[in-house]
Amino acid sequence: MTPSARSIAHMKSLGYQVANVEHYNYFTKRRHDLFGCIDILCVGNGETIALQVTSKSNMSSRIKKIEAAEASPEMLRSGWRVLVHGWWKNAKGRYELKEFEF
């Protein structure tokens, strides 16, 4: 299971409607995020959550990516919660989630 699939399942278990807003451009062979920094958009429980998903070891670079995005201040002003999900495998071989919120 990919980190994105883990985050989608996690957010659905919390009662959110979830959409993957990242897409792959076959011509350029690159992935493109919503606003250059968002992989998953969640709505529910009276809020909108924008997620960037990665491994725990890459969280700092993803945080910097969101901070540098032009749309980032407007997302926060609009009341969106902006989260970074970092997945890692513990000593028992189970995946765990570390979450950072702006």
PDB file of N, CA and C in Angstrom:
ATOM      1  N   MET A   1       0.852  -1.178   0.000  1.00  0.00           N
ATOM      2  CA  MET A   1       0.000   0.000   0.000  1.00  0.00           C
ATOM      3  C   MET A   1       0.899   1.243   0.000  1.00  0.00           C
ATOM      4  N   THR A   2       0.578   2.199  -0.851  1.00  0.00           N
ATOM      5  CA  THR A   2       1.363   3.428  -0.950  1.00  0.00           C
ATOM      6  C   THR A   2       1.059   4.358   0.228  1.00  0.00           C
ATOM      7  N   PRO A   3       1.951   5.303   0.510  1.00  0.00           N
ATOM      8  CA  PRO A   3       1.652   6.282   1.554  1.00  0.00           C
ATOM      9  C   PRO A   3       0.346   7.048   1.299  1.00  0.00           C
ATOM     10  N   SER A   4       0.081   7.396   0.039  1.00  0.00           N
ATOM     11  CA  SER A   4      -1.173   8.093  -0.282  1.00  0.00           C
ATOM     12  C   SER A   4      -2.380   7.229   0.039  1.00  0.00           C
ATOM     13  N   ALA A   5      -2.312   5.964  -0.300  1.00  0.00           N
ATOM     14  CA  ALA A   5      -3.423   5.048  -0.006  1.00  0.00           C
ATOM     15  C   ALA A   5      -3.629   4.913   1.498  1.00  0.00           C
ATOM     16  N   ARG A   6      -2.537   4.906   2.258  1.00  0.00           N
ATOM     17  CA  ARG A   6      -2.642   4.850   3.728  1.00  0.00           C
ATOM     18  C   ARG A   6      -3.334   6.105   4.265  1.00  0.00           C
ATOM     19  N   SER A   7      -2.953   7.272   3.741  1.00  0.00           N
ATOM     20  CA  SER A   7      -3.565   8.521   4.200  1.00  0.00           C
ATOM     21  C   SER A   7      -5.033   8.596   3.807  1.00  0.00           C
ATOM     22  N   ILE A   8      -5.358   8.141   2.615  1.00  0.00           N
ATOM     23  CA  ILE A   8      -6.757   8.133   2.179  1.00  0.00           C
ATOM     24  C   ILE A   8      -7.587   7.254   3.112  1.00  0.00           C
ATOM     25  N   ALA A   9      -7.095   6.053   3.404  1.00  0.00           N
ATOM     26  CA  ALA A   9      -7.817   5.148   4.302  1.00  0.00           C
ATOM     27  C   ALA A   9      -7.941   5.745   5.700  1.00  0.00           C
ATOM     28  N   HIS A  10      -6.882   6.386   6.173  1.00  0.00           N
ATOM     29  CA  HIS A  10      -6.899   7.012   7.508  1.00  0.00           C
ATOM     30  C   HIS A  10      -7.942   8.121   7.584  1.00  0.00           C
ATOM     31  N   MET A  11      -7.962   8.997   6.584  1.00  0.00           N
ATOM     32  CA  MET A  11      -8.903  10.119   6.593  1.00  0.00           C
ATOM     33  C   MET A  11     -10.344   9.642   6.429  1.00  0.00           C
ATOM     34  N   LYS A  12     -10.569   8.617   5.613  1.00  0.00           N
ATOM     35  CA  LYS A  12     -11.915   8.055   5.482  1.00  0.00           C
ATOM     36  C   LYS A  12     -12.382   7.466   6.811  1.00  0.00           C
ATOM     37  N   SER A  13     -11.459   6.834   7.553  1.00  0.00           N
ATOM     38  CA  SER A  13     -11.825   6.259   8.849  1.00  0.00           C
ATOM     39  C   SER A  13     -12.209   7.335   9.860  1.00  0.00           C
ATOM     40  N   LEU A  14     -11.758   8.573   9.624  1.00  0.00           N
ATOM     41  CA  LEU A  14     -12.112   9.700  10.492  1.00  0.00           C
ATOM     42  C   LEU A  14     -13.394  10.401  10.027  1.00  0.00           C
ATOM     43  N   GLY A  15     -13.999   9.897   8.942  1.00  0.00           N
ATOM     44  CA  GLY A  15     -15.282  10.424   8.490  1.00  0.00           C
ATOM     45  C   GLY A  15     -15.225  11.476   7.399  1.00  0.00           C
ATOM     46  N   TYR A  16     -14.105  11.615   6.713  1.00  0.00           N
ATOM     47  CA  TYR A  16     -13.965  12.616   5.657  1.00  0.00           C
ATOM     48  C   TYR A  16     -14.278  12.028   4.290  1.00  0.00           C
ATOM     49  N   GLN A  17     -14.764  12.885   3.389  1.00  0.00           N
ATOM     50  CA  GLN A  17     -14.839  12.573   1.971  1.00  0.00           C
ATOM     51  C   GLN A  17     -13.463  12.931   1.415  1.00  0.00           C
ATOM     52  N   VAL A  18     -12.872  12.039   0.650  1.00  0.00           N
ATOM     53  CA  VAL A  18     -11.474  12.196   0.252  1.00  0.00           C
ATOM     54  C   VAL A  18     -11.340  12.157  -1.270  1.00  0.00           C
ATOM     55  N   ALA A  19     -10.516  13.064  -1.818  1.00  0.00           N
ATOM     56  CA  ALA A  19     -10.231  13.075  -3.255  1.00  0.00           C
ATOM     57  C   ALA A  19      -8.726  13.200  -3.474  1.00  0.00           C
ATOM     58  N   ASN A  20      -8.210  12.371  -4.352  1.00  0.00           N
ATOM     59  CA  ASN A  20      -6.805  12.474  -4.745  1.00  0.00           C
ATOM     60  C   ASN A  20      -6.717  13.559  -5.814  1.00  0.00           C
ATOM     61  N   VAL A  21      -6.014  14.648  -5.528  1.00  0.00           N
ATOM     62  CA  VAL A  21      -5.942  15.781  -6.454  1.00  0.00           C
ATOM     63  C   VAL A  21      -4.578  15.874  -7.137  1.00  0.00           C
ATOM     64  N   GLU A  22      -3.751  14.875  -6.942  1.00  0.00           N
ATOM     65  CA  GLU A  22      -2.479  14.777  -7.646  1.00  0.00           C
ATOM     66  C   GLU A  22      -2.738  14.000  -8.935  1.00  0.00           C
ATOM     67  N   HIS A  23      -2.100  14.403 -10.025  1.00  0.00           N
ATOM     68  CA  HIS A  23      -2.268  13.645 -11.263  1.00  0.00           C
ATOM     69  C   HIS A  23      -0.925  13.473 -11.953  1.00  0.00           C
ATOM     70  N   TYR A  24      -0.870  12.479 -12.825  1.00  0.00           N
ATOM     71  CA  TYR A  24       0.344  12.162 -13.564  1.00  0.00           C
ATOM     72  C   TYR A  24       0.194  12.642 -14.993  1.00  0.00           C
ATOM     73  N   ASN A  25       1.178  13.400 -15.467  1.00  0.00           N
ATOM     74  CA  ASN A  25       1.198  13.875 -16.839  1.00  0.00           C
ATOM     75  C   ASN A  25       2.072  12.915 -17.647  1.00  0.00           C
ATOM     76  N   TYR A  26       1.449  12.134 -18.507  1.00  0.00           N
ATOM     77  CA  TYR A  26       2.181  11.129 -19.272  1.00  0.00           C
ATOM     78  C   TYR A  26       3.135  11.739 -20.293  1.00  0.00           C
ATOM     79  N   PHE A  27       2.842  12.933 -20.758  1.00  0.00           N
ATOM     80  CA  PHE A  27       3.720  13.587 -21.730  1.00  0.00           C
ATOM     81  C   PHE A  27       5.038  14.012 -21.091  1.00  0.00           C
ATOM     82  N   THR A  28       4.940  14.664 -19.915  1.00  0.00           N
ATOM     83  CA  THR A  28       6.154  15.126 -19.233  1.00  0.00           C
ATOM     84  C   THR A  28       6.727  14.081 -18.281  1.00  0.00           C
ATOM     85  N   LYS A  29       5.957  13.018 -18.032  1.00  0.00           N
ATOM     86  CA  LYS A  29       6.348  11.941 -17.109  1.00  0.00           C
ATOM     87  C   LYS A  29       6.606  12.471 -15.697  1.00  0.00           C
ATOM     88  N   ARG A  30       5.715  13.371 -15.255  1.00  0.00           N
ATOM     89  CA  ARG A  30       5.839  13.970 -13.924  1.00  0.00           C
ATOM     90  C   ARG A  30       4.487  13.993 -13.234  1.00  0.00           C
ATOM     91  N   ARG A  31       4.529  13.966 -11.909  1.00  0.00           N
ATOM     92  CA  ARG A  31       3.324  14.116 -11.100  1.00  0.00           C
ATOM     93  C   ARG A  31       3.116  15.600 -10.806  1.00  0.00           C
ATOM     94  N   HIS A  32       1.844  16.010 -10.763  1.00  0.00           N
ATOM     95  CA  HIS A  32       1.511  17.399 -10.484  1.00  0.00           C
ATOM     96  C   HIS A  32       0.516  17.443  -9.334  1.00  0.00           C
ATOM     97  N   ASP A  33       0.842  18.240  -8.331  1.00  0.00           N
ATOM     98  CA  ASP A  33      -0.012  18.410  -7.156  1.00  0.00           C
ATOM     99  C   ASP A  33      -0.928  19.617  -7.339  1.00  0.00           C
ATOM    100  N   LEU A  34      -2.043  19.605  -6.633  1.00  0.00           N
ATOM    101  CA  LEU A  34      -2.921  20.772  -6.602  1.00  0.00           C
ATOM    102  C   LEU A  34      -2.150  21.940  -5.992  1.00  0.00           C
ATOM    103  N   PHE A  35      -2.141  23.075  -6.653  1.00  0.00           N
ATOM    104  CA  PHE A  35      -1.401  24.273  -6.220  1.00  0.00           C
ATOM    105  C   PHE A  35       0.090  24.006  -6.036  1.00  0.00           C
ATOM    106  N   GLY A  36       0.587  22.925  -6.601  1.00  0.00           N
ATOM    107  CA  GLY A  36       2.007  22.606  -6.508  1.00  0.00           C
ATOM    108  C   GLY A  36       2.426  21.987  -5.191  1.00  0.00           C
ATOM    109  N   CYS A  37       1.458  21.704  -4.294  1.00  0.00           N
ATOM    110  CA  CYS A  37       1.859  21.199  -2.977  1.00  0.00           C
ATOM    111  C   CYS A  37       0.856  20.286  -2.285  1.00  0.00           C
ATOM    112  N   ILE A  38      -0.290  20.008  -2.895  1.00  0.00           N
ATOM    113  CA  ILE A  38      -1.331  19.219  -2.223  1.00  0.00           C
ATOM    114  C   ILE A  38      -1.613  17.944  -3.007  1.00  0.00           C
ATOM    115  N   ASP A  39      -1.571  16.795  -2.298  1.00  0.00           N
ATOM    116  CA  ASP A  39      -1.851  15.494  -2.908  1.00  0.00           C
ATOM    117  C   ASP A  39      -3.303  15.066  -2.728  1.00  0.00           C
ATOM    118  N   ILE A  40      -3.865  15.347  -1.564  1.00  0.00           N
ATOM    119  CA  ILE A  40      -5.188  14.850  -1.197  1.00  0.00           C
ATOM    120  C   ILE A  40      -6.001  15.987  -0.579  1.00  0.00           C
ATOM    121  N   LEU A  41      -7.263  16.072  -0.964  1.00  0.00           N
ATOM    122  CA  LEU A  41      -8.175  17.061  -0.388  1.00  0.00           C
ATOM    123  C   LEU A  41      -9.290  16.319   0.332  1.00  0.00           C
ATOM    124  N   CYS A  42      -9.556  16.723   1.574  1.00  0.00           N
ATOM    125  CA  CYS A  42     -10.568  16.068   2.403  1.00  0.00           C
ATOM    126  C   CYS A  42     -11.585  17.100   2.863  1.00  0.00           C
ATOM    127  N   VAL A  43     -12.854  16.738   2.813  1.00  0.00           N
ATOM    128  CA  VAL A  43     -13.909  17.589   3.342  1.00  0.00           C
ATOM    129  C   VAL A  43     -14.782  16.763   4.271  1.00  0.00           C
ATOM    130  N   GLY A  44     -15.248  17.399   5.317  1.00  0.00           N
ATOM    131  CA  GLY A  44     -16.123  16.723   6.270  1.00  0.00           C
ATOM    132  C   GLY A  44     -15.910  17.274   7.656  1.00  0.00           C
ATOM    133  N   ASN A  45     -16.809  16.907   8.543  1.00  0.00           N
ATOM    134  CA  ASN A  45     -16.712  17.371   9.929  1.00  0.00           C
ATOM    135  C   ASN A  45     -16.604  18.895  10.005  1.00  0.00           C
ATOM    136  N   GLY A  46     -17.201  19.604   9.037  1.00  0.00           N
ATOM    137  CA  GLY A  46     -17.217  21.059   9.040  1.00  0.00           C
ATOM    138  C   GLY A  46     -15.912  21.724   8.654  1.00  0.00           C
ATOM    139  N   GLU A  47     -15.027  21.003   7.972  1.00  0.00           N
ATOM    140  CA  GLU A  47     -13.738  21.600   7.610  1.00  0.00           C
ATOM    141  C   GLU A  47     -13.214  21.024   6.298  1.00  0.00           C
ATOM    142  N   THR A  48     -12.205  21.713   5.767  1.00  0.00           N
ATOM    143  CA  THR A  48     -11.501  21.257   4.574  1.00  0.00           C
ATOM    144  C   THR A  48     -10.043  21.043   4.970  1.00  0.00           C
ATOM    145  N   ILE A  49      -9.508  19.892   4.602  1.00  0.00           N
ATOM    146  CA  ILE A  49      -8.120  19.555   4.926  1.00  0.00           C
ATOM    147  C   ILE A  49      -7.368  19.291   3.630  1.00  0.00           C
ATOM    148  N   ALA A  50      -6.225  19.958   3.483  1.00  0.00           N
ATOM    149  CA  ALA A  50      -5.325  19.734   2.360  1.00  0.00           C
ATOM    150  C   ALA A  50      -4.132  18.937   2.880  1.00  0.00           C
ATOM    151  N   LEU A  51      -3.828  17.822   2.208  1.00  0.00           N
ATOM    152  CA  LEU A  51      -2.762  16.924   2.667  1.00  0.00           C
ATOM    153  C   LEU A  51      -1.631  16.818   1.656  1.00  0.00           C
ATOM    154  N   GLN A  52      -0.432  16.817   2.152  1.00  0.00           N
ATOM    155  CA  GLN A  52       0.749  16.423   1.388  1.00  0.00           C
ATOM    156  C   GLN A  52       1.228  15.141   2.053  1.00  0.00           C
ATOM    157  N   VAL A  53       1.467  14.100   1.281  1.00  0.00           N
ATOM    158  CA  VAL A  53       1.819  12.791   1.820  1.00  0.00           C
ATOM    159  C   VAL A  53       3.236  12.423   1.397  1.00  0.00           C
ATOM    160  N   THR A  54       4.003  11.873   2.354  1.00  0.00           N
ATOM    161  CA  THR A  54       5.381  11.510   2.087  1.00  0.00           C
ATOM    162  C   THR A  54       5.843  10.478   3.113  1.00  0.00           C
ATOM    163  N   SER A  55       7.115  10.169   3.078  1.00  0.00           N
ATOM    164  CA  SER A  55       7.708   9.338   4.128  1.00  0.00           C
ATOM    165  C   SER A  55       8.120  10.264   5.271  1.00  0.00           C
ATOM    166  N   LYS A  56       8.290   9.701   6.441  1.00  0.00           N
ATOM    167  CA  LYS A  56       8.674  10.512   7.605  1.00  0.00           C
ATOM    168  C   LYS A  56      10.004  11.233   7.352  1.00  0.00           C
ATOM    169  N   SER A  57      10.920  10.571   6.674  1.00  0.00           N
ATOM    170  CA  SER A  57      12.241  11.157   6.431  1.00  0.00           C
ATOM    171  C   SER A  57      12.204  12.346   5.462  1.00  0.00           C
ATOM    172  N   ASN A  58      11.160  12.462   4.644  1.00  0.00           N
ATOM    173  CA  ASN A  58      11.046  13.568   3.684  1.00  0.00           C
ATOM    174  C   ASN A  58      10.101  14.675   4.125  1.00  0.00           C
ATOM    175  N   MET A  59       9.627  14.607   5.356  1.00  0.00           N
ATOM    176  CA  MET A  59       8.638  15.603   5.808  1.00  0.00           C
ATOM    177  C   MET A  59       9.167  17.024   5.754  1.00  0.00           C
ATOM    178  N   SER A  60      10.412  17.244   6.142  1.00  0.00           N
ATOM    179  CA  SER A  60      10.925  18.625   6.180  1.00  0.00           C
ATOM    180  C   SER A  60      10.944  19.250   4.788  1.00  0.00           C
ATOM    181  N   SER A  61      11.288  18.473   3.763  1.00  0.00           N
ATOM    182  CA  SER A  61      11.297  19.043   2.408  1.00  0.00           C
ATOM    183  C   SER A  61       9.874  19.342   1.927  1.00  0.00           C
ATOM    184  N   ARG A  62       8.908  18.528   2.324  1.00  0.00           N
ATOM    185  CA  ARG A  62       7.515  18.779   1.944  1.00  0.00           C
ATOM    186  C   ARG A  62       6.948  19.990   2.679  1.00  0.00           C
ATOM    187  N   ILE A  63       7.355  20.178   3.925  1.00  0.00           N
ATOM    188  CA  ILE A  63       6.941  21.365   4.684  1.00  0.00           C
ATOM    189  C   ILE A  63       7.463  22.624   3.993  1.00  0.00           C
ATOM    190  N   LYS A  64       8.725  22.594   3.580  1.00  0.00           N
ATOM    191  CA  LYS A  64       9.306  23.735   2.862  1.00  0.00           C
ATOM    192  C   LYS A  64       8.590  23.972   1.533  1.00  0.00           C
ATOM    193  N   LYS A  65       8.205  22.889   0.857  1.00  0.00           N
ATOM    194  CA  LYS A  65       7.489  22.987  -0.414  1.00  0.00           C
ATOM    195  C   LYS A  65       6.153  23.710  -0.226  1.00  0.00           C
ATOM    196  N   ILE A  66       5.444  23.369   0.847  1.00  0.00           N
ATOM    197  CA  ILE A  66       4.156  24.025   1.112  1.00  0.00           C
ATOM    198  C   ILE A  66       4.373  25.484   1.500  1.00  0.00           C
ATOM    199  N   GLU A  67       5.371  25.753   2.322  1.00  0.00           N
ATOM    200  CA  GLU A  67       5.658  27.138   2.724  1.00  0.00           C
ATOM    201  C   GLU A  67       5.999  28.009   1.524  1.00  0.00           C
ATOM    202  N   ALA A  68       6.646  27.431   0.515  1.00  0.00           N
ATOM    203  CA  ALA A  68       7.047  28.186  -0.677  1.00  0.00           C
ATOM    204  C   ALA A  68       5.924  28.340  -1.693  1.00  0.00           C
ATOM    205  N   ALA A  69       4.860  27.566  -1.567  1.00  0.00           N
ATOM    206  CA  ALA A  69       3.771  27.607  -2.549  1.00  0.00           C
ATOM    207  C   ALA A  69       3.019  28.932  -2.471  1.00  0.00           C
ATOM    208  N   GLU A  70       2.709  29.473  -3.619  1.00  0.00           N
ATOM    209  CA  GLU A  70       2.011  30.757  -3.707  1.00  0.00           C
ATOM    210  C   GLU A  70       0.624  30.692  -3.065  1.00  0.00           C
ATOM    211  N   ALA A  71      -0.045  29.568  -3.176  1.00  0.00           N
ATOM    212  CA  ALA A  71      -1.411  29.423  -2.662  1.00  0.00           C
ATOM    213  C   ALA A  71      -1.468  29.125  -1.164  1.00  0.00           C
ATOM    214  N   SER A  72      -0.348  28.822  -0.557  1.00  0.00           N
ATOM    215  CA  SER A  72      -0.339  28.406   0.848  1.00  0.00           C
ATOM    216  C   SER A  72      -0.967  29.434   1.802  1.00  0.00           C
ATOM    217  N   PRO A  73      -0.596  30.704   1.743  1.00  0.00           N
ATOM    218  CA  PRO A  73      -1.216  31.667   2.662  1.00  0.00           C
ATOM    219  C   PRO A  73      -2.725  31.787   2.463  1.00  0.00           C
ATOM    220  N   GLU A  74      -3.162  31.693   1.206  1.00  0.00           N
ATOM    221  CA  GLU A  74      -4.597  31.817   0.923  1.00  0.00           C
ATOM    222  C   GLU A  74      -5.366  30.594   1.427  1.00  0.00           C
ATOM    223  N   MET A  75      -4.768  29.415   1.337  1.00  0.00           N
ATOM    224  CA  MET A  75      -5.424  28.221   1.878  1.00  0.00           C
ATOM    225  C   MET A  75      -5.663  28.389   3.375  1.00  0.00           C
ATOM    226  N   LEU A  76      -4.647  28.885   4.081  1.00  0.00           N
ATOM    227  CA  LEU A  76      -4.775  29.075   5.532  1.00  0.00           C
ATOM    228  C   LEU A  76      -5.767  30.178   5.864  1.00  0.00           C
ATOM    229  N   ARG A  77      -5.742  31.284   5.107  1.00  0.00           N
ATOM    230  CA  ARG A  77      -6.704  32.381   5.321  1.00  0.00           C
ATOM    231  C   ARG A  77      -8.133  31.926   5.061  1.00  0.00           C
ATOM    232  N   SER A  78      -8.291  30.963   4.156  1.00  0.00           N
ATOM    233  CA  SER A  78      -9.616  30.455   3.801  1.00  0.00           C
ATOM    234  C   SER A  78     -10.136  29.432   4.801  1.00  0.00           C
ATOM    235  N   GLY A  79      -9.378  29.183   5.842  1.00  0.00           N
ATOM    236  CA  GLY A  79      -9.828  28.270   6.890  1.00  0.00           C
ATOM    237  C   GLY A  79      -9.494  26.811   6.654  1.00  0.00           C
ATOM    238  N   TRP A  80      -8.691  26.520   5.623  1.00  0.00           N
ATOM    239  CA  TRP A  80      -8.280  25.147   5.390  1.00  0.00           C
ATOM    240  C   TRP A  80      -7.249  24.733   6.440  1.00  0.00           C
ATOM    241  N   ARG A  81      -7.328  23.487   6.857  1.00  0.00           N
ATOM    242  CA  ARG A  81      -6.239  22.898   7.628  1.00  0.00           C
ATOM    243  C   ARG A  81      -5.267  22.302   6.613  1.00  0.00           C
ATOM    244  N   VAL A  82      -3.998  22.584   6.772  1.00  0.00           N
ATOM    245  CA  VAL A  82      -2.981  22.067   5.858  1.00  0.00           C
ATOM    246  C   VAL A  82      -2.083  21.136   6.660  1.00  0.00           C
ATOM    247  N   LEU A  83      -2.034  19.869   6.238  1.00  0.00           N
ATOM    248  CA  LEU A  83      -1.299  18.838   6.970  1.00  0.00           C
ATOM    249  C   LEU A  83      -0.273  18.160   6.081  1.00  0.00           C
ATOM    250  N   VAL A  84       0.786  17.679   6.714  1.00  0.00           N
ATOM    251  CA  VAL A  84       1.749  16.793   6.058  1.00  0.00           C
ATOM    252  C   VAL A  84       1.683  15.471   6.796  1.00  0.00           C
ATOM    253  N   HIS A  85       1.439  14.394   6.064  1.00  0.00           N
ATOM    254  CA  HIS A  85       1.456  13.049   6.635  1.00  0.00           C
ATOM    255  C   HIS A  85       2.776  12.393   6.273  1.00  0.00           C
ATOM    256  N   GLY A  86       3.517  11.959   7.284  1.00  0.00           N
ATOM    257  CA  GLY A  86       4.762  11.229   7.080  1.00  0.00           C
ATOM    258  C   GLY A  86       4.618   9.815   7.602  1.00  0.00           C
ATOM    259  N   TRP A  87       4.778   8.837   6.725  1.00  0.00           N
ATOM    260  CA  TRP A  87       4.618   7.435   7.101  1.00  0.00           C
ATOM    261  C   TRP A  87       5.982   6.781   7.292  1.00  0.00           C
ATOM    262  N   TRP A  88       6.062   5.901   8.290  1.00  0.00           N
ATOM    263  CA  TRP A  88       7.296   5.154   8.544  1.00  0.00           C
ATOM    264  C   TRP A  88       6.953   3.797   9.143  1.00  0.00           C
ATOM    265  N   LYS A  89       7.870   2.860   8.987  1.00  0.00           N
ATOM    266  CA  LYS A  89       7.666   1.508   9.490  1.00  0.00           C
ATOM    267  C   LYS A  89       8.405   1.369  10.823  1.00  0.00           C
ATOM    268  N   ASN A  90       7.674   0.965  11.877  1.00  0.00           N
ATOM    269  CA  ASN A  90       8.287   0.823  13.203  1.00  0.00           C
ATOM    270  C   ASN A  90       9.060  -0.499  13.296  1.00  0.00           C
ATOM    271  N   ALA A  91       9.643  -0.768  14.462  1.00  0.00           N
ATOM    272  CA  ALA A  91      10.466  -1.960  14.666  1.00  0.00           C
ATOM    273  C   ALA A  91       9.673  -3.254  14.498  1.00  0.00           C
ATOM    274  N   LYS A  92       8.381  -3.193  14.705  1.00  0.00           N
ATOM    275  CA  LYS A  92       7.537  -4.383  14.560  1.00  0.00           C
ATOM    276  C   LYS A  92       7.031  -4.568  13.129  1.00  0.00           C
ATOM    277  N   GLY A  93       7.448  -3.693  12.213  1.00  0.00           N
ATOM    278  CA  GLY A  93       7.041  -3.813  10.821  1.00  0.00           C
ATOM    279  C   GLY A  93       5.691  -3.193  10.507  1.00  0.00           C
ATOM    280  N   ARG A  94       5.151  -2.437  11.446  1.00  0.00           N
ATOM    281  CA  ARG A  94       3.860  -1.778  11.229  1.00  0.00           C
ATOM    282  C   ARG A  94       4.089  -0.320  10.848  1.00  0.00           C
ATOM    283  N   TYR A  95       3.230   0.172   9.960  1.00  0.00           N
ATOM    284  CA  TYR A  95       3.350   1.563   9.547  1.00  0.00           C
ATOM    285  C   TYR A  95       2.710   2.480  10.577  1.00  0.00           C
ATOM    286  N   GLU A  96       3.384   3.589  10.831  1.00  0.00           N
ATOM    287  CA  GLU A  96       2.888   4.608  11.750  1.00  0.00           C
ATOM    288  C   GLU A  96       2.859   5.948  11.035  1.00  0.00           C
ATOM    289  N   LEU A  97       2.017   6.827  11.543  1.00  0.00           N
ATOM    290  CA  LEU A  97       1.820   8.145  10.938  1.00  0.00           C
ATOM    291  C   LEU A  97       2.354   9.229  11.849  1.00  0.00           C
ATOM    292  N   LYS A  98       3.145  10.124  11.276  1.00  0.00           N
ATOM    293  CA  LYS A  98       3.531  11.359  11.949  1.00  0.00           C
ATOM    294  C   LYS A  98       2.861  12.475  11.179  1.00  0.00           C
ATOM    295  N   GLU A  99       2.213  13.386  11.898  1.00  0.00           N
ATOM    296  CA  GLU A  99       1.434  14.442  11.260  1.00  0.00           C
ATOM    297  C   GLU A  99       1.965  15.801  11.681  1.00  0.00           C
ATOM    298  N   PHE A 100       2.100  16.696  10.692  1.00  0.00           N
ATOM    299  CA  PHE A 100       2.491  18.079  10.943  1.00  0.00           C
ATOM    300  C   PHE A 100       1.386  18.974  10.425  1.00  0.00           C
ATOM    301  N   GLU A 101       1.000  19.955  11.231  1.00  0.00           N
ATOM    302  CA  GLU A 101      -0.053  20.897  10.811  1.00  0.00           C
ATOM    303  C   GLU A 101       0.476  22.309  10.800  1.00  0.00           C
ATOM    304  N   PHE A 102       0.126  23.054   9.749  1.00  0.00           N
ATOM    305  CA  PHE A 102       0.532  24.460   9.642  1.00  0.00           C
ATOM    306  C   PHE A 102      -0.356  25.325  10.474  1.00  0.00           C
TER     307      PHE A 102
END
